[in-house]
PDB file of N, CA and C in Angstrom:
ATOM      1  N   UNK A   1      -8.218  55.476   8.428  1.00  0.00           N
ATOM      2  CA  UNK A   1      -6.875  54.899   8.460  1.00  0.00           C
ATOM      3  C   UNK A   1      -6.040  55.345   7.883  1.00  0.00           C
ATOM      4  N   UNK A   2      -4.540  55.293   8.215  1.00  0.00           N
ATOM      5  CA  UNK A   2      -3.669  55.533   8.084  1.00  0.00           C
ATOM      6  C   UNK A   2      -2.622  54.772   7.558  1.00  0.00           C
ATOM      7  N   UNK A   3      -1.695  54.947   6.492  1.00  0.00           N
ATOM      8  CA  UNK A   3      -0.890  54.316   6.220  1.00  0.00           C
ATOM      9  C   UNK A   3       0.537  55.105   6.311  1.00  0.00           C
ATOM     10  N   UNK A   4       1.736  54.836   7.187  1.00  0.00           N
ATOM     11  CA  UNK A   4       3.126  54.789   7.299  1.00  0.00           C
ATOM     12  C   UNK A   4       3.806  54.837   5.673  1.00  0.00           C
ATOM     13  N   UNK A   5       3.833  55.578   4.671  1.00  0.00           N
ATOM     14  CA  UNK A   5       4.306  55.035   3.522  1.00  0.00           C
ATOM     15  C   UNK A   5       5.467  55.512   2.948  1.00  0.00           C
ATOM     16  N   UNK A   6       6.335  54.805   2.429  1.00  0.00           N
ATOM     17  CA  UNK A   6       7.432  55.579   1.603  1.00  0.00           C
ATOM     18  C   UNK A   6       7.445  55.224  -0.010  1.00  0.00           C
ATOM     19  N   UNK A   7       7.020  55.945  -0.796  1.00  0.00           N
ATOM     20  CA  UNK A   7       6.679  55.573  -2.188  1.00  0.00           C
ATOM     21  C   UNK A   7       7.934  54.955  -3.023  1.00  0.00           C
ATOM     22  N   UNK A   8       9.558  54.962  -2.171  1.00  0.00           N
ATOM     23  CA  UNK A   8      10.256  54.132  -2.831  1.00  0.00           C
ATOM     24  C   UNK A   8      10.550  52.683  -2.360  1.00  0.00           C
ATOM     25  N   UNK A   9       9.522  52.515  -1.399  1.00  0.00           N
ATOM     26  CA  UNK A   9       9.172  51.149  -1.007  1.00  0.00           C
ATOM     27  C   UNK A   9       8.425  50.121  -1.858  1.00  0.00           C
ATOM     28  N   UNK A  10       8.813  49.133  -2.579  1.00  0.00           N
ATOM     29  CA  UNK A  10       8.019  48.427  -3.504  1.00  0.00           C
ATOM     30  C   UNK A  10       6.558  47.662  -2.483  1.00  0.00           C
ATOM     31  N   UNK A  11       6.814  47.432  -1.351  1.00  0.00           N
ATOM     32  CA  UNK A  11       5.794  46.627  -0.650  1.00  0.00           C
ATOM     33  C   UNK A  11       4.862  47.656   0.102  1.00  0.00           C
ATOM     34  N   UNK A  12       5.560  49.064   0.194  1.00  0.00           N
ATOM     35  CA  UNK A  12       4.577  50.145   0.652  1.00  0.00           C
ATOM     36  C   UNK A  12       3.580  50.626  -1.274  1.00  0.00           C
ATOM     37  N   UNK A  13       4.202  50.585  -1.927  1.00  0.00           N
ATOM     38  CA  UNK A  13       3.231  50.703  -3.000  1.00  0.00           C
ATOM     39  C   UNK A  13       2.337  50.080  -2.969  1.00  0.00           C
ATOM     40  N   UNK A  14       2.347  48.618  -3.252  1.00  0.00           N
ATOM     41  CA  UNK A  14       1.782  47.657  -2.813  1.00  0.00           C
ATOM     42  C   UNK A  14       0.554  47.697  -2.476  1.00  0.00           C
ATOM     43  N   UNK A  15       0.968  47.892  -1.274  1.00  0.00           N
ATOM     44  CA  UNK A  15      -0.362  48.002   0.184  1.00  0.00           C
ATOM     45  C   UNK A  15      -0.990  48.845   0.056  1.00  0.00           C
ATOM     46  N   UNK A  16      -0.715  50.204  -0.780  1.00  0.00           N
ATOM     47  CA  UNK A  16      -1.480  51.572  -1.156  1.00  0.00           C
ATOM     48  C   UNK A  16      -1.992  50.800  -2.629  1.00  0.00           C
ATOM     49  N   UNK A  17      -1.601  49.889  -3.449  1.00  0.00           N
ATOM     50  CA  UNK A  17      -2.309  49.360  -4.796  1.00  0.00           C
ATOM     51  C   UNK A  17      -3.595  48.380  -4.238  1.00  0.00           C
ATOM     52  N   UNK A  18      -3.265  47.673  -2.913  1.00  0.00           N
ATOM     53  CA  UNK A  18      -4.288  46.861  -2.527  1.00  0.00           C
ATOM     54  C   UNK A  18      -5.589  47.458  -1.675  1.00  0.00           C
ATOM     55  N   UNK A  19      -5.214  48.849  -0.946  1.00  0.00           N
ATOM     56  CA  UNK A  19      -6.360  49.633   0.025  1.00  0.00           C
ATOM     57  C   UNK A  19      -7.418  50.079  -1.419  1.00  0.00           C
ATOM     58  N   UNK A  20      -6.598  50.390  -2.392  1.00  0.00           N
ATOM     59  CA  UNK A  20      -7.598  51.480  -3.644  1.00  0.00           C
ATOM     60  C   UNK A  20      -8.073  49.987  -4.085  1.00  0.00           C
ATOM     61  N   UNK A  21      -8.218  49.078  -4.642  1.00  0.00           N
ATOM     62  CA  UNK A  21      -8.627  47.926  -5.281  1.00  0.00           C
ATOM     63  C   UNK A  21      -9.643  47.954  -4.632  1.00  0.00           C
ATOM     64  N   UNK A  22      -9.721  48.007  -3.209  1.00  0.00           N
ATOM     65  CA  UNK A  22     -10.365  47.075  -2.030  1.00  0.00           C
ATOM     66  C   UNK A  22     -11.395  48.841  -1.513  1.00  0.00           C
ATOM     67  N   UNK A  23     -11.074  49.964  -2.196  1.00  0.00           N
ATOM     68  CA  UNK A  23     -11.969  50.994  -1.706  1.00  0.00           C
ATOM     69  C   UNK A  23     -12.217  51.252  -0.584  1.00  0.00           C
ATOM     70  N   UNK A  24     -10.474  51.161   0.181  1.00  0.00           N
ATOM     71  CA  UNK A  24     -10.615  51.363   1.432  1.00  0.00           C
ATOM     72  C   UNK A  24     -10.009  53.044   1.827  1.00  0.00           C
ATOM     73  N   UNK A  25     -10.979  53.674   2.280  1.00  0.00           N
ATOM     74  CA  UNK A  25     -10.357  55.068   2.272  1.00  0.00           C
ATOM     75  C   UNK A  25      -9.235  54.944   3.228  1.00  0.00           C
ATOM     76  N   UNK A  26      -8.170  56.062   2.989  1.00  0.00           N
ATOM     77  CA  UNK A  26      -7.052  55.857   4.088  1.00  0.00           C
ATOM     78  C   UNK A  26      -6.189  57.444   3.696  1.00  0.00           C
ATOM     79  N   UNK A  27      -5.261  57.565   4.751  1.00  0.00           N
ATOM     80  CA  UNK A  27      -4.740  58.999   4.647  1.00  0.00           C
ATOM     81  C   UNK A  27      -2.799  58.415   4.356  1.00  0.00           C
ATOM     82  N   UNK A  28      -2.320  58.983   3.739  1.00  0.00           N
ATOM     83  CA  UNK A  28      -1.161  58.438   3.402  1.00  0.00           C
ATOM     84  C   UNK A  28      -0.024  59.649   4.594  1.00  0.00           C
ATOM     85  N   UNK A  29       0.986  58.963   4.993  1.00  0.00           N
ATOM     86  CA  UNK A  29       1.538  59.618   5.874  1.00  0.00           C
ATOM     87  C   UNK A  29       2.809  59.206   5.719  1.00  0.00           C
ATOM     88  N   UNK A  30       3.680  60.229   4.969  1.00  0.00           N
ATOM     89  CA  UNK A  30       4.778  60.066   4.499  1.00  0.00           C
ATOM     90  C   UNK A  30       6.124  60.255   5.483  1.00  0.00           C
ATOM     91  N   UNK A  31       6.177  59.136   6.068  1.00  0.00           N
ATOM     92  CA  UNK A  31       7.043  59.834   7.379  1.00  0.00           C
ATOM     93  C   UNK A  31       8.217  59.665   7.027  1.00  0.00           C
ATOM     94  N   UNK A  32       8.748  59.982   6.055  1.00  0.00           N
ATOM     95  CA  UNK A  32      10.461  60.317   5.611  1.00  0.00           C
ATOM     96  C   UNK A  32      10.741  61.917   5.506  1.00  0.00           C
ATOM     97  N   UNK A  33       9.286  62.131   5.158  1.00  0.00           N
ATOM     98  CA  UNK A  33       8.998  63.774   4.731  1.00  0.00           C
ATOM     99  C   UNK A  33       8.827  64.523   5.961  1.00  0.00           C
ATOM    100  N   UNK A  34       8.116  64.325   6.703  1.00  0.00           N
ATOM    101  CA  UNK A  34       7.616  64.540   8.155  1.00  0.00           C
ATOM    102  C   UNK A  34       7.848  63.182   9.014  1.00  0.00           C
ATOM    103  N   UNK A  35       9.092  63.153   9.861  1.00  0.00           N
ATOM    104  CA  UNK A  35       9.582  62.072  10.684  1.00  0.00           C
ATOM    105  C   UNK A  35       8.734  61.986  11.740  1.00  0.00           C
ATOM    106  N   UNK A  36       8.633  60.799  12.735  1.00  0.00           N
ATOM    107  CA  UNK A  36       7.332  60.869  13.658  1.00  0.00           C
ATOM    108  C   UNK A  36       8.364  61.390  14.652  1.00  0.00           C
ATOM    109  N   UNK A  37       7.941  62.081  15.975  1.00  0.00           N
ATOM    110  CA  UNK A  37       8.394  62.438  16.955  1.00  0.00           C
ATOM    111  C   UNK A  37       8.241  60.592  17.841  1.00  0.00           C
ATOM    112  N   UNK A  38       9.141  60.837  19.092  1.00  0.00           N
ATOM    113  CA  UNK A  38       9.305  59.887  20.065  1.00  0.00           C
ATOM    114  C   UNK A  38       7.710  59.567  20.091  1.00  0.00           C
ATOM    115  N   UNK A  39       6.531  60.246  20.440  1.00  0.00           N
ATOM    116  CA  UNK A  39       5.416  60.012  21.095  1.00  0.00           C
ATOM    117  C   UNK A  39       4.828  59.537  19.946  1.00  0.00           C
ATOM    118  N   UNK A  40       4.527  59.585  18.670  1.00  0.00           N
ATOM    119  CA  UNK A  40       4.295  59.403  17.697  1.00  0.00           C
ATOM    120  C   UNK A  40       4.613  57.781  17.442  1.00  0.00           C
ATOM    121  N   UNK A  41       5.857  57.001  17.835  1.00  0.00           N
ATOM    122  CA  UNK A  41       6.578  55.877  17.521  1.00  0.00           C
ATOM    123  C   UNK A  41       5.938  55.083  18.257  1.00  0.00           C
ATOM    124  N   UNK A  42       5.889  55.938  20.186  1.00  0.00           N
ATOM    125  CA  UNK A  42       5.245  55.192  20.900  1.00  0.00           C
ATOM    126  C   UNK A  42       3.702  54.203  20.470  1.00  0.00           C
ATOM    127  N   UNK A  43       3.112  55.282  19.959  1.00  0.00           N
ATOM    128  CA  UNK A  43       2.152  55.180  19.893  1.00  0.00           C
ATOM    129  C   UNK A  43       1.478  54.157  19.110  1.00  0.00           C
ATOM    130  N   UNK A  44       2.277  53.930  18.026  1.00  0.00           N
ATOM    131  CA  UNK A  44       2.184  53.189  17.159  1.00  0.00           C
ATOM    132  C   UNK A  44       2.537  51.728  17.679  1.00  0.00           C
ATOM    133  N   UNK A  45       4.201  51.869  18.286  1.00  0.00           N
ATOM    134  CA  UNK A  45       4.063  50.398  19.053  1.00  0.00           C
ATOM    135  C   UNK A  45       3.298  49.653  19.619  1.00  0.00           C
ATOM    136  N   UNK A  46       2.550  50.879  20.096  1.00  0.00           N
ATOM    137  CA  UNK A  46       1.320  50.063  21.607  1.00  0.00           C
ATOM    138  C   UNK A  46       0.348  49.701  20.744  1.00  0.00           C
ATOM    139  N   UNK A  47       0.396  50.287  19.342  1.00  0.00           N
ATOM    140  CA  UNK A  47      -1.265  49.825  18.903  1.00  0.00           C
ATOM    141  C   UNK A  47      -0.494  48.213  18.033  1.00  0.00           C
ATOM    142  N   UNK A  48       0.430  48.249  17.469  1.00  0.00           N
ATOM    143  CA  UNK A  48       1.085  46.982  17.143  1.00  0.00           C
ATOM    144  C   UNK A  48       1.565  45.772  18.203  1.00  0.00           C
ATOM    145  N   UNK A  49       1.151  46.412  19.233  1.00  0.00           N
ATOM    146  CA  UNK A  49       1.949  45.462  20.412  1.00  0.00           C
ATOM    147  C   UNK A  49       3.187  44.815  20.027  1.00  0.00           C
ATOM    148  N   UNK A  50       4.313  45.668  19.496  1.00  0.00           N
ATOM    149  CA  UNK A  50       6.114  45.251  19.186  1.00  0.00           C
ATOM    150  C   UNK A  50       6.482  45.953  20.576  1.00  0.00           C
ATOM    151  N   UNK A  51       7.637  45.774  20.309  1.00  0.00           N
ATOM    152  CA  UNK A  51       8.883  45.948  21.037  1.00  0.00           C
ATOM    153  C   UNK A  51       9.574  47.105  19.880  1.00  0.00           C
ATOM    154  N   UNK A  52      10.040  47.922  20.319  1.00  0.00           N
ATOM    155  CA  UNK A  52      10.840  48.853  19.077  1.00  0.00           C
ATOM    156  C   UNK A  52      11.832  48.328  18.640  1.00  0.00           C
ATOM    157  N   UNK A  53      12.574  47.292  18.922  1.00  0.00           N
ATOM    158  CA  UNK A  53      13.710  46.666  18.215  1.00  0.00           C
ATOM    159  C   UNK A  53      12.800  46.000  17.557  1.00  0.00           C
ATOM    160  N   UNK A  54      11.637  45.278  17.435  1.00  0.00           N
ATOM    161  CA  UNK A  54      11.164  44.637  16.288  1.00  0.00           C
ATOM    162  C   UNK A  54      10.617  44.932  15.533  1.00  0.00           C
ATOM    163  N   UNK A  55      10.597  46.598  15.335  1.00  0.00           N
ATOM    164  CA  UNK A  55      10.361  47.466  14.410  1.00  0.00           C
ATOM    165  C   UNK A  55      11.172  47.999  13.478  1.00  0.00           C
ATOM    166  N   UNK A  56      12.904  47.335  13.675  1.00  0.00           N
ATOM    167  CA  UNK A  56      13.927  48.178  12.953  1.00  0.00           C
ATOM    168  C   UNK A  56      14.103  47.374  11.830  1.00  0.00           C
ATOM    169  N   UNK A  57      14.384  48.033  10.669  1.00  0.00           N
ATOM    170  CA  UNK A  57      15.036  47.475   9.836  1.00  0.00           C
ATOM    171  C   UNK A  57      16.410  47.429   9.650  1.00  0.00           C
ATOM    172  N   UNK A  58      16.545  46.129   9.920  1.00  0.00           N
ATOM    173  CA  UNK A  58      18.158  45.888  10.202  1.00  0.00           C
ATOM    174  C   UNK A  58      19.110  45.694   9.038  1.00  0.00           C
ATOM    175  N   UNK A  59      18.561  45.785   7.513  1.00  0.00           N
ATOM    176  CA  UNK A  59      19.706  45.773   6.563  1.00  0.00           C
ATOM    177  C   UNK A  59      19.766  47.172   6.072  1.00  0.00           C
ATOM    178  N   UNK A  60      19.255  48.221   6.922  1.00  0.00           N
ATOM    179  CA  UNK A  60      19.267  49.506   6.449  1.00  0.00           C
ATOM    180  C   UNK A  60      20.939  50.058   6.400  1.00  0.00           C
ATOM    181  N   UNK A  61      21.489  50.951   5.848  1.00  0.00           N
ATOM    182  CA  UNK A  61      22.964  51.317   6.499  1.00  0.00           C
ATOM    183  C   UNK A  61      22.868  51.671   7.539  1.00  0.00           C
ATOM    184  N   UNK A  62      21.785  52.651   7.737  1.00  0.00           N
ATOM    185  CA  UNK A  62      22.174  53.282   9.010  1.00  0.00           C
ATOM    186  C   UNK A  62      22.090  52.212  10.619  1.00  0.00           C
ATOM    187  N   UNK A  63      21.378  51.136  10.191  1.00  0.00           N
ATOM    188  CA  UNK A  63      21.531  50.276  11.225  1.00  0.00           C
ATOM    189  C   UNK A  63      22.938  49.369  11.638  1.00  0.00           C
ATOM    190  N   UNK A  64      23.416  49.363  10.419  1.00  0.00           N
ATOM    191  CA  UNK A  64      24.694  48.299   9.927  1.00  0.00           C
ATOM    192  C   UNK A  64      25.679  49.605  10.386  1.00  0.00           C
ATOM    193  N   UNK A  65      25.978  50.748  10.306  1.00  0.00           N
ATOM    194  CA  UNK A  65      26.894  51.734  10.777  1.00  0.00           C
ATOM    195  C   UNK A  65      26.095  52.124  12.193  1.00  0.00           C
ATOM    196  N   UNK A  66      25.569  52.289  12.801  1.00  0.00           N
ATOM    197  CA  UNK A  66      25.368  52.766  14.082  1.00  0.00           C
ATOM    198  C   UNK A  66      24.584  51.828  15.106  1.00  0.00           C
ATOM    199  N   UNK A  67      24.443  50.959  14.849  1.00  0.00           N
ATOM    200  CA  UNK A  67      23.493  50.040  16.006  1.00  0.00           C
ATOM    201  C   UNK A  67      23.986  48.400  15.429  1.00  0.00           C
ATOM    202  N   UNK A  68      24.351  48.522  14.716  1.00  0.00           N
ATOM    203  CA  UNK A  68      24.547  46.424  14.654  1.00  0.00           C
ATOM    204  C   UNK A  68      25.251  46.000  15.796  1.00  0.00           C
ATOM    205  N   UNK A  69      25.091  44.978  16.517  1.00  0.00           N
ATOM    206  CA  UNK A  69      25.910  44.281  17.561  1.00  0.00           C
ATOM    207  C   UNK A  69      25.774  45.257  18.361  1.00  0.00           C
ATOM    208  N   UNK A  70      24.979  45.769  18.989  1.00  0.00           N
ATOM    209  CA  UNK A  70      24.666  46.847  20.145  1.00  0.00           C
ATOM    210  C   UNK A  70      23.125  46.528  20.657  1.00  0.00           C
ATOM    211  N   UNK A  71      23.469  46.717  21.890  1.00  0.00           N
ATOM    212  CA  UNK A  71      21.972  46.020  22.815  1.00  0.00           C
ATOM    213  C   UNK A  71      21.509  47.679  23.537  1.00  0.00           C
ATOM    214  N   UNK A  72      20.468  48.059  22.926  1.00  0.00           N
ATOM    215  CA  UNK A  72      19.888  49.324  23.276  1.00  0.00           C
ATOM    216  C   UNK A  72      18.463  48.972  23.978  1.00  0.00           C
ATOM    217  N   UNK A  73      18.174  49.954  24.795  1.00  0.00           N
ATOM    218  CA  UNK A  73      16.731  50.341  25.572  1.00  0.00           C
ATOM    219  C   UNK A  73      15.509  50.380  24.747  1.00  0.00           C
ATOM    220  N   UNK A  74      14.646  50.213  25.105  1.00  0.00           N
ATOM    221  CA  UNK A  74      13.703  50.461  24.518  1.00  0.00           C
ATOM    222  C   UNK A  74      13.527  52.222  23.755  1.00  0.00           C
ATOM    223  N   UNK A  75      13.693  52.904  24.681  1.00  0.00           N
ATOM    224  CA  UNK A  75      14.139  54.516  24.957  1.00  0.00           C
ATOM    225  C   UNK A  75      14.855  54.775  23.873  1.00  0.00           C
ATOM    226  N   UNK A  76      16.661  54.066  23.665  1.00  0.00           N
ATOM    227  CA  UNK A  76      16.951  54.375  22.823  1.00  0.00           C
ATOM    228  C   UNK A  76      16.742  54.103  21.462  1.00  0.00           C
ATOM    229  N   UNK A  77      16.010  52.626  21.369  1.00  0.00           N
ATOM    230  CA  UNK A  77      15.431  52.090  20.003  1.00  0.00           C
ATOM    231  C   UNK A  77      14.664  53.259  19.531  1.00  0.00           C
ATOM    232  N   UNK A  78      13.643  53.927  20.270  1.00  0.00           N
ATOM    233  CA  UNK A  78      12.495  54.958  19.645  1.00  0.00           C
ATOM    234  C   UNK A  78      13.340  56.187  19.651  1.00  0.00           C
ATOM    235  N   UNK A  79      14.413  56.599  20.172  1.00  0.00           N
ATOM    236  CA  UNK A  79      15.330  57.655  20.245  1.00  0.00           C
ATOM    237  C   UNK A  79      16.130  57.561  18.470  1.00  0.00           C
ATOM    238  N   UNK A  80      16.544  56.042  18.320  1.00  0.00           N
ATOM    239  CA  UNK A  80      17.116  55.936  17.138  1.00  0.00           C
ATOM    240  C   UNK A  80      16.106  56.041  15.684  1.00  0.00           C
ATOM    241  N   UNK A  81      15.093  55.599  15.875  1.00  0.00           N
ATOM    242  CA  UNK A  81      13.594  55.769  14.925  1.00  0.00           C
ATOM    243  C   UNK A  81      13.502  57.142  14.611  1.00  0.00           C
ATOM    244  N   UNK A  82      13.449  57.951  15.612  1.00  0.00           N
ATOM    245  CA  UNK A  82      13.661  59.512  15.674  1.00  0.00           C
ATOM    246  C   UNK A  82      14.716  59.912  14.721  1.00  0.00           C
ATOM    247  N   UNK A  83      15.324  59.602  15.206  1.00  0.00           N
ATOM    248  CA  UNK A  83      16.969  60.265  14.292  1.00  0.00           C
ATOM    249  C   UNK A  83      17.241  59.198  13.034  1.00  0.00           C
ATOM    250  N   UNK A  84      16.820  58.616  12.497  1.00  0.00           N
ATOM    251  CA  UNK A  84      16.847  57.840  11.554  1.00  0.00           C
ATOM    252  C   UNK A  84      15.662  57.143  10.957  1.00  0.00           C
ATOM    253  N   UNK A  85      14.627  57.992  11.004  1.00  0.00           N
ATOM    254  CA  UNK A  85      13.246  57.109  10.228  1.00  0.00           C
ATOM    255  C   UNK A  85      13.507  56.092   9.432  1.00  0.00           C
ATOM    256  N   UNK A  86      14.355  56.073   8.517  1.00  0.00           N
ATOM    257  CA  UNK A  86      14.353  55.196   7.173  1.00  0.00           C
ATOM    258  C   UNK A  86      14.515  53.692   8.505  1.00  0.00           C
ATOM    259  N   UNK A  87      14.993  53.484   9.571  1.00  0.00           N
ATOM    260  CA  UNK A  87      15.047  52.480  10.561  1.00  0.00           C
ATOM    261  C   UNK A  87      13.675  51.834  10.809  1.00  0.00           C
ATOM    262  N   UNK A  88      12.645  52.670  10.260  1.00  0.00           N
ATOM    263  CA  UNK A  88      11.218  51.941  10.727  1.00  0.00           C
ATOM    264  C   UNK A  88      10.682  51.064   9.555  1.00  0.00           C
ATOM    265  N   UNK A  89      10.201  49.993   9.875  1.00  0.00           N
ATOM    266  CA  UNK A  89       9.689  48.972   9.137  1.00  0.00           C
ATOM    267  C   UNK A  89       8.407  49.412   8.274  1.00  0.00           C
ATOM    268  N   UNK A  90       8.395  49.007   7.452  1.00  0.00           N
ATOM    269  CA  UNK A  90       7.309  50.072   6.634  1.00  0.00           C
ATOM    270  C   UNK A  90       6.518  48.820   5.750  1.00  0.00           C
ATOM    271  N   UNK A  91       5.231  48.955   5.084  1.00  0.00           N
ATOM    272  CA  UNK A  91       4.880  50.155   5.619  1.00  0.00           C
ATOM    273  C   UNK A  91       3.677  49.396   6.840  1.00  0.00           C
ATOM    274  N   UNK A  92       3.184  50.700   7.311  1.00  0.00           N
ATOM    275  CA  UNK A  92       2.355  50.458   8.744  1.00  0.00           C
ATOM    276  C   UNK A  92       1.333  51.029   8.844  1.00  0.00           C
ATOM    277  N   UNK A  93       0.114  50.223   9.009  1.00  0.00           N
ATOM    278  CA  UNK A  93      -1.360  50.297   8.521  1.00  0.00           C
ATOM    279  C   UNK A  93      -1.941  50.799  10.385  1.00  0.00           C
ATOM    280  N   UNK A  94      -1.962  51.852  10.182  1.00  0.00           N
ATOM    281  CA  UNK A  94      -2.780  52.301  11.576  1.00  0.00           C
ATOM    282  C   UNK A  94      -4.524  52.771  11.247  1.00  0.00           C
ATOM    283  N   UNK A  95      -5.616  51.660  11.876  1.00  0.00           N
ATOM    284  CA  UNK A  95      -6.820  51.754  12.003  1.00  0.00           C
ATOM    285  C   UNK A  95      -7.136  51.676  13.323  1.00  0.00           C
ATOM    286  N   UNK A  96      -7.767  53.376  13.796  1.00  0.00           N
ATOM    287  CA  UNK A  96      -8.123  53.546  15.073  1.00  0.00           C
ATOM    288  C   UNK A  96      -6.982  52.928  16.580  1.00  0.00           C
ATOM    289  N   UNK A  97      -7.581  51.833  17.202  1.00  0.00           N
ATOM    290  CA  UNK A  97      -6.546  51.620  18.190  1.00  0.00           C
ATOM    291  C   UNK A  97      -5.943  50.361  17.584  1.00  0.00           C
ATOM    292  N   UNK A  98      -5.824  49.990  16.429  1.00  0.00           N
ATOM    293  CA  UNK A  98      -5.002  48.568  15.815  1.00  0.00           C
ATOM    294  C   UNK A  98      -3.987  49.414  15.096  1.00  0.00           C
ATOM    295  N   UNK A  99      -3.148  48.438  14.296  1.00  0.00           N
ATOM    296  CA  UNK A  99      -2.164  48.517  13.611  1.00  0.00           C
ATOM    297  C   UNK A  99      -1.608  47.569  13.346  1.00  0.00           C
ATOM    298  N   UNK A 100      -1.142  47.434  12.188  1.00  0.00           N
ATOM    299  CA  UNK A 100      -0.255  45.791  11.609  1.00  0.00           C
ATOM    300  C   UNK A 100       1.046  46.739  10.822  1.00  0.00           C
ATOM    301  N   UNK A 101       1.867  45.427  10.489  1.00  0.00           N
ATOM    302  CA  UNK A 101       2.634  46.095   9.488  1.00  0.00           C
ATOM    303  C   UNK A 101       2.517  45.283   8.053  1.00  0.00           C
ATOM    304  N   UNK A 102       2.894  45.618   7.239  1.00  0.00           N
ATOM    305  CA  UNK A 102       2.261  45.460   6.224  1.00  0.00           C
ATOM    306  C   UNK A 102       3.416  44.387   5.279  1.00  0.00           C
ATOM    307  N   UNK A 103       3.793  43.386   5.798  1.00  0.00           N
ATOM    308  CA  UNK A 103       4.852  42.436   5.575  1.00  0.00           C
ATOM    309  C   UNK A 103       4.178  40.928   5.558  1.00  0.00           C
ATOM    310  N   UNK A 104       3.817  40.527   4.848  1.00  0.00           N
ATOM    311  CA  UNK A 104       3.251  40.994   3.387  1.00  0.00           C
ATOM    312  C   UNK A 104       2.367  42.229   2.979  1.00  0.00           C
ATOM    313  N   UNK A 105       2.036  42.721   2.110  1.00  0.00           N
ATOM    314  CA  UNK A 105       1.191  44.208   2.141  1.00  0.00           C
ATOM    315  C   UNK A 105      -0.423  43.981   2.199  1.00  0.00           C
ATOM    316  N   UNK A 106      -0.879  42.389   2.009  1.00  0.00           N
ATOM    317  CA  UNK A 106      -1.853  41.809   2.375  1.00  0.00           C
ATOM    318  C   UNK A 106      -2.653  41.990   3.510  1.00  0.00           C
ATOM    319  N   UNK A 107      -1.789  42.325   4.487  1.00  0.00           N
ATOM    320  CA  UNK A 107      -1.940  42.222   6.094  1.00  0.00           C
ATOM    321  C   UNK A 107      -2.880  43.131   6.053  1.00  0.00           C
ATOM    322  N   UNK A 108      -3.047  44.142   5.432  1.00  0.00           N
ATOM    323  CA  UNK A 108      -3.553  45.684   5.602  1.00  0.00           C
ATOM    324  C   UNK A 108      -4.923  44.901   5.558  1.00  0.00           C
ATOM    325  N   UNK A 109      -5.714  44.352   4.689  1.00  0.00           N
ATOM    326  CA  UNK A 109      -7.081  43.746   5.181  1.00  0.00           C
ATOM    327  C   UNK A 109      -7.221  43.306   6.213  1.00  0.00           C
ATOM    328  N   UNK A 110      -6.443  42.774   7.334  1.00  0.00           N
ATOM    329  CA  UNK A 110      -6.797  42.243   8.437  1.00  0.00           C
ATOM    330  C   UNK A 110      -7.520  43.436   9.755  1.00  0.00           C
ATOM    331  N   UNK A 111      -7.181  44.395   8.936  1.00  0.00           N
ATOM    332  CA  UNK A 111      -7.769  45.964   9.963  1.00  0.00           C
ATOM    333  C   UNK A 111      -8.376  46.495   9.253  1.00  0.00           C
ATOM    334  N   UNK A 112      -9.113  46.708   7.785  1.00  0.00           N
ATOM    335  CA  UNK A 112      -9.499  47.530   7.368  1.00  0.00           C
ATOM    336  C   UNK A 112     -10.652  47.585   7.490  1.00  0.00           C
TER     337      UNK A 112
END
């Protein structure tokens, strides 16, 4: 199991606590330190069963400054997440061929 994690995000920290409390072994992927490429994002979107636009954090300054009010294609949203990884909703839990966005963090237990 892998968690796309941001230490500054309270939901992400809470999810890590839930995993630890439930003794679930996992790997942390600090995606802001080592940003995903387009292939990584496509793969996680496939596992989530989501469109790229659904994984965008619309409250982020990068969204407001660069994308608010714009219609982008799937490819363009993926490129935006590659360029601005803070736009990616977090945390994301990946277990094999399944993934879930941890909003609320307890959702990790759905695929743990």
